[in-house]
Amino acid sequence: MKWDKTVINEFKDFIAKGNVMDMAVGIIIGAAFTAIVTSLVGDLINPIIALFTGGIDFSGWFYVLGDGECASVAACTEAGISVFAIGNFLMAVINFLIIAFVVFMLVKMVNRVKAAAEKPEEVAPEVATGPSELDVLLEIRDQLKAGR
């Protein structure tokens, strides 16, 4: 493939398309949204779950694989000891479920707005109306002709 102005112009057209720009905006918003969800899970949901489970801290739920003991996953990682960090995995699952639910609700809302926008306006049923002005005038003319 020769890199000439045609390829560059095709690339510009591709980038300028709405779908690519929409996807880029979605990725940026998604990255910002991840910080919000992480805070929601870590600062609000985990304490509530810990309250109902007797104070279990999921981030401290791990198993050391091999020799050694550690106080936390971070300490094991720093010491080079392998750990099975089930608490971190559980946090990732909770994050995923929350994000999936929020995205589901957003898609549901967007679909509802789209359906309302695409819904044809209800046409009022035709009401039988009386004769028009022209019909009345024609009838008067016909009666005048007949009465002569």
Protein backbone atom coordinates (compact mmCIF):
# COMPACT_ATOMS: atom_id res chain seq x y z
CA MET A 1 0.00 0.00 0.00
CA LYS A 2 1.36 3.34 -0.98
CA TRP A 3 1.06 6.10 1.63
CA ASP A 4 -0.13 8.94 -0.47
CA LYS A 5 -2.67 11.69 0.03
CA THR A 6 -5.52 9.30 -0.75
CA VAL A 7 -4.78 7.12 2.29
CA ILE A 8 -4.38 10.18 4.50
CA ASN A 9 -7.66 11.62 3.22
CA GLU A 10 -9.43 8.30 3.80
CA PHE A 11 -8.07 8.25 7.34
CA LYS A 12 -9.29 11.82 7.92
CA ASP A 13 -12.75 10.86 6.62
CA PHE A 14 -12.78 7.81 8.90
CA ILE A 15 -11.82 9.83 11.97
CA ALA A 16 -14.31 12.58 11.16
CA LYS A 17 -17.24 10.16 10.99
CA GLY A 18 -19.76 10.53 13.77
CA ASN A 19 -19.45 6.95 15.03
CA VAL A 20 -15.74 7.26 15.74
CA MET A 21 -16.22 10.56 17.53
CA ASP A 22 -19.15 9.16 19.54
CA MET A 23 -17.03 6.18 20.53
CA ALA A 24 -14.16 8.44 21.62
CA VAL A 25 -16.49 10.54 23.75
CA GLY A 26 -17.96 7.35 25.22
CA ILE A 27 -14.52 6.03 26.16
CA ILE A 28 -13.56 9.31 27.83
CA ILE A 29 -16.81 9.48 29.78
CA GLY A 30 -16.44 5.80 30.66
CA ALA A 31 -12.99 6.41 32.11
CA ALA A 32 -14.32 9.27 34.22
CA PHE A 33 -17.33 7.16 35.23
CA THR A 34 -15.00 4.39 36.45
CA ALA A 35 -13.60 6.70 39.14
CA ILE A 36 -17.12 7.49 40.32
CA VAL A 37 -18.09 3.81 40.47
CA THR A 38 -14.85 2.90 42.27
CA SER A 39 -15.61 5.52 44.89
CA LEU A 40 -19.24 4.38 45.12
CA VAL A 41 -18.19 0.79 45.74
CA GLY A 42 -15.23 1.52 48.00
CA ASP A 43 -16.71 4.35 50.04
CA LEU A 44 -20.43 3.54 50.17
CA ILE A 45 -21.30 -0.03 49.24
CA ASN A 46 -18.41 -1.89 50.90
CA PRO A 47 -19.05 -0.33 54.32
CA ILE A 48 -22.73 -1.31 54.06
CA ILE A 49 -21.81 -4.87 53.03
CA ALA A 50 -19.24 -4.98 55.85
CA LEU A 51 -21.94 -3.84 58.29
CA PHE A 52 -24.20 -6.75 57.32
CA THR A 53 -21.39 -9.30 57.15
CA GLY A 54 -19.91 -8.44 60.52
CA GLY A 55 -17.15 -6.11 59.38
CA ILE A 56 -15.56 -8.25 56.67
CA ASP A 57 -13.22 -6.16 54.56
CA PHE A 58 -13.15 -7.75 51.12
CA SER A 59 -9.84 -6.15 50.16
CA GLY A 60 -8.22 -8.05 53.04
CA TRP A 61 -9.60 -11.38 51.88
CA PHE A 62 -6.67 -13.23 50.33
CA TYR A 63 -4.72 -16.46 50.56
CA VAL A 64 -0.94 -16.69 50.42
CA LEU A 65 0.24 -19.14 47.77
CA GLY A 66 3.53 -20.56 48.85
CA ASP A 67 5.78 -19.76 51.79
CA GLY A 68 5.49 -16.64 53.90
CA GLU A 69 2.88 -14.59 55.62
CA CYS A 70 1.69 -11.08 54.90
CA ALA A 71 -0.63 -8.59 56.51
CA SER A 72 -2.09 -7.39 53.22
CA VAL A 73 -2.12 -8.05 49.49
CA ALA A 74 0.09 -5.00 48.96
CA ALA A 75 2.65 -6.31 51.46
CA CYS A 76 2.71 -9.72 49.75
CA THR A 77 3.09 -8.13 46.33
CA GLU A 78 5.91 -5.94 47.60
CA ALA A 79 7.66 -8.96 49.12
CA GLY A 80 7.23 -10.92 45.87
CA ILE A 81 4.92 -13.49 47.42
CA SER A 82 2.08 -14.84 45.26
CA VAL A 83 -1.40 -14.37 46.64
CA PHE A 84 -4.89 -15.47 45.68
CA ALA A 85 -6.64 -12.11 46.15
CA ILE A 86 -10.27 -13.21 46.20
CA GLY A 87 -11.35 -9.96 47.87
CA ASN A 88 -9.96 -7.86 45.02
CA PHE A 89 -11.73 -10.14 42.55
CA LEU A 90 -14.98 -9.79 44.46
CA MET A 91 -14.58 -6.00 44.35
CA ALA A 92 -14.08 -6.18 40.58
CA VAL A 93 -17.25 -8.25 40.24
CA ILE A 94 -19.22 -5.75 42.34
CA ASN A 95 -17.82 -2.88 40.25
CA PHE A 96 -18.84 -4.68 37.07
CA LEU A 97 -22.37 -5.36 38.29
CA ILE A 98 -22.86 -1.74 39.31
CA ILE A 99 -21.52 -0.43 36.01
CA ALA A 100 -23.61 -2.93 34.04
CA PHE A 101 -26.75 -1.92 35.95
CA VAL A 102 -26.12 1.80 35.43
CA VAL A 103 -25.44 1.28 31.70
CA PHE A 104 -28.60 -0.83 31.46
CA MET A 105 -30.63 1.96 33.05
CA LEU A 106 -29.06 4.56 30.73
CA VAL A 107 -29.79 2.45 27.63
CA LYS A 108 -33.34 1.86 28.85
CA MET A 109 -33.83 5.61 29.33
CA VAL A 110 -32.36 6.43 25.90
CA ASN A 111 -34.59 3.82 24.24
CA ARG A 112 -37.64 5.27 26.00
CA VAL A 113 -36.75 8.78 24.78
CA LYS A 114 -36.15 7.46 21.24
CA ALA A 115 -39.48 5.64 21.25
CA ALA A 116 -41.27 8.78 22.41
CA ALA A 117 -39.57 10.84 19.70
CA GLU A 118 -40.36 8.31 16.96
CA LYS A 119 -43.95 7.75 18.06
CA PRO A 120 -46.24 9.24 15.42
CA GLU A 121 -48.56 11.87 16.68
CA GLU A 122 -52.03 10.54 17.24
CA VAL A 123 -54.29 11.70 14.49
CA ALA A 124 -57.68 12.79 15.70
CA PRO A 125 -60.46 10.75 14.16
CA GLU A 126 -62.34 12.51 11.44
CA VAL A 127 -65.53 14.02 12.73
CA ALA A 128 -68.48 14.18 10.38
CA THR A 129 -68.89 17.82 9.61
CA GLY A 130 -71.83 19.58 8.07
CA PRO A 131 -71.86 20.71 4.50
CA SER A 132 -69.25 23.21 3.45
CA GLU A 133 -70.06 26.78 2.46
CA LEU A 134 -69.80 25.81 -1.19
CA ASP A 135 -72.22 22.91 -0.71
CA VAL A 136 -74.77 25.21 0.93
CA LEU A 137 -74.46 27.78 -1.87
CA LEU A 138 -74.84 25.08 -4.52
CA GLU A 139 -77.93 23.74 -2.76
CA ILE A 140 -79.46 27.26 -2.61
CA ARG A 141 -78.72 27.73 -6.31
CA ASP A 142 -80.32 24.41 -7.19
CA GLN A 143 -83.42 25.25 -5.13
CA LEU A 144 -83.70 28.65 -6.80
CA LYS A 145 -83.47 27.03 -10.24
CA ALA A 146 -86.12 24.49 -9.32
CA GLY A 147 -88.46 27.14 -7.87
CA ARG A 148 -88.61 29.23 -11.01
